[in-house]
């Protein structure tokens, strides 16, 4: 049953859900050894700005990664700890809040 459920989510994420990682003007994940893995695991289902606006502790990132894997994120179990380290070191609670780039002019 677990394998079927896992396979279903992997197939669903690869076939049915759009990939947002290559859209022009989208926020990019920080450079690092796990950037590519984070892109694969995270931006298959949502844009990178969902990740970069987070400010979580390592424990909270651990819960978030585990939740996303349960929901079908594509992540090799051997990369789990390194991805958590990448996210928690790049997006810790002490980091200044994310400020989204403005895409439209203000009307006067």
N, C-alpha and C. Protein backbone atom coordinates (compact mmCIF):
# COMPACT_ATOMS: atom_id res chain seq x y z
N UNK A 1 0.83 -1.19 0.00
CA UNK A 1 0.00 0.00 0.00
C UNK A 1 0.87 1.26 0.00
N UNK A 2 1.93 1.27 0.84
CA UNK A 2 2.80 2.44 0.91
C UNK A 2 3.44 2.70 -0.44
N UNK A 3 3.95 1.65 -1.08
CA UNK A 3 4.63 1.82 -2.36
C UNK A 3 3.67 2.37 -3.41
N UNK A 4 2.43 1.86 -3.42
CA UNK A 4 1.44 2.37 -4.37
C UNK A 4 1.18 3.85 -4.12
N UNK A 5 0.98 4.23 -2.85
CA UNK A 5 0.71 5.62 -2.51
C UNK A 5 1.89 6.50 -2.91
N UNK A 6 3.11 6.06 -2.59
CA UNK A 6 4.30 6.82 -2.94
C UNK A 6 4.40 6.97 -4.46
N UNK A 7 4.21 5.86 -5.18
CA UNK A 7 4.31 5.90 -6.64
C UNK A 7 3.25 6.83 -7.23
N UNK A 8 2.05 6.78 -6.67
CA UNK A 8 0.97 7.64 -7.14
C UNK A 8 1.36 9.11 -7.01
N UNK A 9 1.90 9.50 -5.85
CA UNK A 9 2.29 10.90 -5.65
C UNK A 9 3.45 11.30 -6.54
N UNK A 10 4.40 10.42 -6.74
CA UNK A 10 5.52 10.73 -7.63
C UNK A 10 5.01 10.93 -9.05
N UNK A 11 4.17 10.03 -9.51
CA UNK A 11 3.62 10.15 -10.86
C UNK A 11 2.77 11.41 -10.97
N UNK A 12 1.93 11.66 -9.97
CA UNK A 12 1.09 12.86 -9.97
C UNK A 12 1.95 14.11 -10.02
N UNK A 13 3.01 14.15 -9.24
CA UNK A 13 3.83 15.36 -9.22
C UNK A 13 4.60 15.55 -10.52
N UNK A 14 4.93 14.48 -11.19
CA UNK A 14 5.67 14.59 -12.44
C UNK A 14 4.77 14.87 -13.64
N UNK A 15 3.53 14.39 -13.60
CA UNK A 15 2.66 14.49 -14.75
C UNK A 15 1.62 15.59 -14.61
N UNK A 16 0.93 15.63 -13.49
CA UNK A 16 -0.25 16.48 -13.37
C UNK A 16 0.03 17.88 -12.86
N UNK A 17 1.07 18.06 -12.10
CA UNK A 17 1.31 19.36 -11.50
C UNK A 17 2.31 20.17 -12.32
N UNK A 18 2.09 21.45 -12.49
CA UNK A 18 3.02 22.26 -13.27
C UNK A 18 4.32 22.49 -12.52
N UNK A 19 5.38 22.69 -13.25
CA UNK A 19 6.66 23.03 -12.64
C UNK A 19 6.87 24.53 -12.79
N UNK A 20 7.20 25.17 -11.69
CA UNK A 20 7.35 26.62 -11.69
C UNK A 20 8.80 27.06 -11.62
N UNK A 21 9.73 26.14 -11.56
CA UNK A 21 11.11 26.51 -11.28
C UNK A 21 11.78 27.33 -12.38
N UNK A 22 11.32 27.24 -13.60
CA UNK A 22 12.01 27.93 -14.69
C UNK A 22 11.26 29.15 -15.21
N UNK A 23 10.27 29.60 -14.48
CA UNK A 23 9.53 30.75 -14.96
C UNK A 23 10.35 32.02 -14.86
N UNK A 24 10.28 32.89 -15.87
CA UNK A 24 11.03 34.14 -15.83
C UNK A 24 10.58 34.99 -14.65
N UNK A 25 11.54 35.61 -14.00
CA UNK A 25 11.23 36.50 -12.90
C UNK A 25 10.98 35.80 -11.58
N UNK A 26 11.03 34.47 -11.56
CA UNK A 26 10.80 33.77 -10.31
C UNK A 26 12.03 33.88 -9.42
N UNK A 27 11.80 33.77 -8.15
CA UNK A 27 12.88 33.84 -7.17
C UNK A 27 13.74 32.59 -7.28
N UNK A 28 15.04 32.75 -7.16
CA UNK A 28 15.97 31.63 -7.25
C UNK A 28 16.41 31.20 -5.86
N UNK A 29 16.60 29.91 -5.67
CA UNK A 29 17.13 29.39 -4.42
C UNK A 29 18.62 29.73 -4.34
N UNK A 30 19.14 29.93 -3.13
CA UNK A 30 20.56 30.28 -2.99
C UNK A 30 21.49 29.19 -3.52
N UNK A 31 22.64 29.61 -3.99
CA UNK A 31 23.66 28.67 -4.45
C UNK A 31 24.11 27.80 -3.29
N UNK A 32 24.51 26.61 -3.62
CA UNK A 32 25.01 25.69 -2.61
C UNK A 32 24.94 24.27 -3.14
N UNK A 33 25.54 23.37 -2.40
CA UNK A 33 25.62 21.97 -2.83
C UNK A 33 24.23 21.35 -3.00
N UNK A 34 23.24 21.82 -2.26
CA UNK A 34 21.91 21.23 -2.31
C UNK A 34 20.91 22.05 -3.13
N UNK A 35 21.37 23.09 -3.82
CA UNK A 35 20.45 23.93 -4.59
C UNK A 35 19.65 23.10 -5.60
N UNK A 36 20.32 22.26 -6.34
CA UNK A 36 19.66 21.45 -7.36
C UNK A 36 18.65 20.49 -6.73
N UNK A 37 19.04 19.86 -5.64
CA UNK A 37 18.12 18.93 -4.95
C UNK A 37 16.93 19.69 -4.38
N UNK A 38 17.16 20.87 -3.83
CA UNK A 38 16.06 21.68 -3.29
C UNK A 38 15.12 22.09 -4.42
N UNK A 39 15.69 22.45 -5.55
CA UNK A 39 14.87 22.83 -6.70
C UNK A 39 13.97 21.66 -7.11
N UNK A 40 14.54 20.47 -7.18
CA UNK A 40 13.77 19.29 -7.56
C UNK A 40 12.70 18.97 -6.52
N UNK A 41 13.09 18.98 -5.24
CA UNK A 41 12.15 18.60 -4.18
C UNK A 41 11.07 19.64 -3.95
N UNK A 42 11.40 20.91 -4.09
CA UNK A 42 10.47 21.97 -3.69
C UNK A 42 9.71 22.60 -4.84
N UNK A 43 10.40 22.90 -5.92
CA UNK A 43 9.75 23.71 -6.96
C UNK A 43 9.02 22.89 -8.01
N UNK A 44 8.92 21.61 -7.82
CA UNK A 44 8.08 20.81 -8.70
C UNK A 44 6.62 21.18 -8.47
N UNK A 45 6.30 21.52 -7.21
CA UNK A 45 4.90 21.82 -6.86
C UNK A 45 4.62 23.30 -6.60
N UNK A 46 5.62 24.06 -6.23
CA UNK A 46 5.39 25.49 -5.97
C UNK A 46 6.62 26.30 -6.30
N UNK A 47 6.44 27.60 -6.42
CA UNK A 47 7.55 28.48 -6.76
C UNK A 47 8.56 28.57 -5.63
N UNK A 48 9.78 28.93 -5.97
CA UNK A 48 10.85 29.04 -4.97
C UNK A 48 10.55 30.11 -3.93
N UNK A 49 9.77 31.14 -4.28
CA UNK A 49 9.51 32.19 -3.30
C UNK A 49 8.74 31.67 -2.09
N UNK A 50 8.03 30.56 -2.22
CA UNK A 50 7.37 29.94 -1.08
C UNK A 50 8.43 29.47 -0.08
N UNK A 51 9.55 29.00 -0.58
CA UNK A 51 10.63 28.53 0.28
C UNK A 51 11.41 29.71 0.85
N UNK A 52 11.84 30.64 -0.01
CA UNK A 52 12.75 31.69 0.44
C UNK A 52 12.11 32.69 1.40
N UNK A 53 10.79 32.73 1.48
CA UNK A 53 10.16 33.64 2.43
C UNK A 53 10.07 33.04 3.84
N UNK A 54 10.36 31.75 3.96
CA UNK A 54 10.28 31.09 5.26
C UNK A 54 11.46 31.47 6.16
N UNK A 55 11.21 31.52 7.43
CA UNK A 55 12.25 31.75 8.44
C UNK A 55 11.98 30.75 9.56
N UNK A 56 12.57 29.55 9.42
CA UNK A 56 12.27 28.45 10.33
C UNK A 56 13.53 27.94 11.02
N UNK A 57 13.33 27.39 12.20
CA UNK A 57 14.42 26.72 12.92
C UNK A 57 14.72 25.39 12.23
N UNK A 58 15.83 24.79 12.61
CA UNK A 58 16.19 23.50 12.02
C UNK A 58 15.11 22.45 12.33
N UNK A 59 14.57 22.48 13.54
CA UNK A 59 13.51 21.53 13.90
C UNK A 59 12.27 21.76 13.03
N UNK A 60 11.92 23.02 12.80
CA UNK A 60 10.76 23.32 11.97
C UNK A 60 11.00 22.94 10.51
N UNK A 61 12.23 23.16 10.01
CA UNK A 61 12.54 22.74 8.64
C UNK A 61 12.46 21.22 8.53
N UNK A 62 12.89 20.52 9.57
CA UNK A 62 12.81 19.06 9.56
C UNK A 62 11.37 18.60 9.43
N UNK A 63 10.48 19.20 10.21
CA UNK A 63 9.05 18.85 10.12
C UNK A 63 8.50 19.20 8.74
N UNK A 64 8.90 20.34 8.20
CA UNK A 64 8.41 20.78 6.89
C UNK A 64 8.86 19.84 5.78
N UNK A 65 10.14 19.46 5.79
CA UNK A 65 10.66 18.55 4.77
C UNK A 65 9.96 17.20 4.88
N UNK A 66 9.83 16.68 6.09
CA UNK A 66 9.16 15.39 6.27
C UNK A 66 7.70 15.45 5.80
N UNK A 67 7.01 16.55 6.07
CA UNK A 67 5.63 16.71 5.62
C UNK A 67 5.57 16.72 4.09
N UNK A 68 6.47 17.47 3.46
CA UNK A 68 6.45 17.56 2.01
C UNK A 68 6.78 16.22 1.35
N UNK A 69 7.67 15.46 1.94
CA UNK A 69 7.98 14.12 1.42
C UNK A 69 6.74 13.24 1.51
N UNK A 70 6.02 13.34 2.63
CA UNK A 70 4.77 12.57 2.77
C UNK A 70 3.77 12.98 1.69
N UNK A 71 3.78 14.24 1.31
CA UNK A 71 2.85 14.74 0.30
C UNK A 71 3.34 14.48 -1.12
N UNK A 72 4.54 13.89 -1.25
CA UNK A 72 5.01 13.49 -2.57
C UNK A 72 6.23 14.20 -3.11
N UNK A 73 6.88 15.03 -2.30
CA UNK A 73 8.11 15.69 -2.78
C UNK A 73 9.14 14.63 -3.17
N UNK A 74 9.82 14.89 -4.25
CA UNK A 74 10.82 13.95 -4.76
C UNK A 74 12.14 14.22 -4.06
N UNK A 75 12.50 13.34 -3.13
CA UNK A 75 13.73 13.51 -2.36
C UNK A 75 14.27 12.14 -1.99
N UNK A 76 15.49 11.89 -2.39
CA UNK A 76 16.15 10.66 -2.01
C UNK A 76 16.37 10.70 -0.50
N UNK A 77 16.00 9.65 0.23
CA UNK A 77 16.20 9.67 1.68
C UNK A 77 17.63 9.99 2.11
N UNK A 78 18.60 9.64 1.29
CA UNK A 78 19.99 9.93 1.65
C UNK A 78 20.32 11.42 1.57
N UNK A 79 19.46 12.21 0.91
CA UNK A 79 19.66 13.66 0.79
C UNK A 79 18.88 14.45 1.83
N UNK A 80 18.05 13.79 2.62
CA UNK A 80 17.16 14.47 3.58
C UNK A 80 17.92 15.39 4.53
N UNK A 81 18.90 14.86 5.23
CA UNK A 81 19.62 15.66 6.23
C UNK A 81 20.35 16.84 5.59
N UNK A 82 20.96 16.62 4.44
CA UNK A 82 21.68 17.71 3.75
C UNK A 82 20.70 18.80 3.29
N UNK A 83 19.51 18.40 2.84
CA UNK A 83 18.51 19.39 2.43
C UNK A 83 18.04 20.20 3.63
N UNK A 84 17.80 19.54 4.74
CA UNK A 84 17.39 20.24 5.96
C UNK A 84 18.48 21.22 6.39
N UNK A 85 19.72 20.82 6.30
CA UNK A 85 20.83 21.71 6.66
C UNK A 85 20.89 22.91 5.71
N UNK A 86 20.72 22.67 4.42
CA UNK A 86 20.71 23.74 3.41
C UNK A 86 19.61 24.75 3.72
N UNK A 87 18.39 24.26 3.96
CA UNK A 87 17.27 25.15 4.23
C UNK A 87 17.43 25.89 5.55
N UNK A 88 17.84 25.18 6.59
CA UNK A 88 17.95 25.83 7.90
C UNK A 88 19.11 26.81 7.97
N UNK A 89 20.15 26.61 7.18
CA UNK A 89 21.26 27.57 7.20
C UNK A 89 20.98 28.77 6.29
N UNK A 90 20.19 28.59 5.24
CA UNK A 90 19.86 29.70 4.34
C UNK A 90 18.63 30.49 4.77
N UNK A 91 17.73 29.87 5.51
CA UNK A 91 16.47 30.52 5.89
C UNK A 91 16.16 30.33 7.38
N UNK A 92 17.09 30.78 8.25
CA UNK A 92 16.87 30.63 9.69
C UNK A 92 15.97 31.74 10.23
N UNK A 93 15.46 31.57 11.46
CA UNK A 93 14.59 32.59 12.05
C UNK A 93 15.27 33.96 12.19
N UNK A 94 16.60 33.98 12.35
CA UNK A 94 17.30 35.26 12.55
C UNK A 94 17.50 36.06 11.27
N UNK A 95 17.30 35.44 10.14
CA UNK A 95 17.50 36.14 8.87
C UNK A 95 16.42 37.21 8.71
N UNK A 96 16.78 38.38 8.16
CA UNK A 96 15.76 39.43 7.94
C UNK A 96 14.61 38.90 7.09
N UNK A 97 13.43 39.45 7.28
CA UNK A 97 12.26 39.00 6.51
C UNK A 97 12.47 39.14 5.01
N UNK A 98 11.86 38.27 4.28
CA UNK A 98 11.88 38.29 2.83
C UNK A 98 11.06 39.48 2.33
N UNK A 99 11.59 40.19 1.37
CA UNK A 99 10.87 41.29 0.74
C UNK A 99 10.71 40.93 -0.72
N UNK A 100 9.48 40.72 -1.13
CA UNK A 100 9.21 40.33 -2.51
C UNK A 100 9.51 41.48 -3.46
N UNK A 101 10.10 41.20 -4.61
CA UNK A 101 10.33 42.25 -5.59
C UNK A 101 9.01 42.77 -6.14
N UNK A 102 8.95 44.05 -6.36
CA UNK A 102 7.73 44.66 -6.92
C UNK A 102 7.72 44.43 -8.41
N UNK A 103 6.57 44.07 -8.92
CA UNK A 103 6.48 43.80 -10.35
C UNK A 103 5.63 44.83 -11.10
N UNK A 104 4.99 45.71 -10.36
CA UNK A 104 4.15 46.73 -11.00
C UNK A 104 4.44 48.09 -10.38
N UNK A 105 4.23 49.12 -11.15
CA UNK A 105 4.42 50.48 -10.64
C UNK A 105 3.23 50.89 -9.79
N UNK A 106 3.50 51.71 -8.83
CA UNK A 106 2.42 52.26 -8.01
C UNK A 106 1.70 53.33 -8.82
N UNK A 107 0.40 53.38 -8.69
CA UNK A 107 -0.39 54.42 -9.38
C UNK A 107 -0.37 55.66 -8.50
N UNK A 108 -0.20 56.80 -9.11
CA UNK A 108 -0.18 58.06 -8.35
C UNK A 108 -1.49 58.77 -8.49
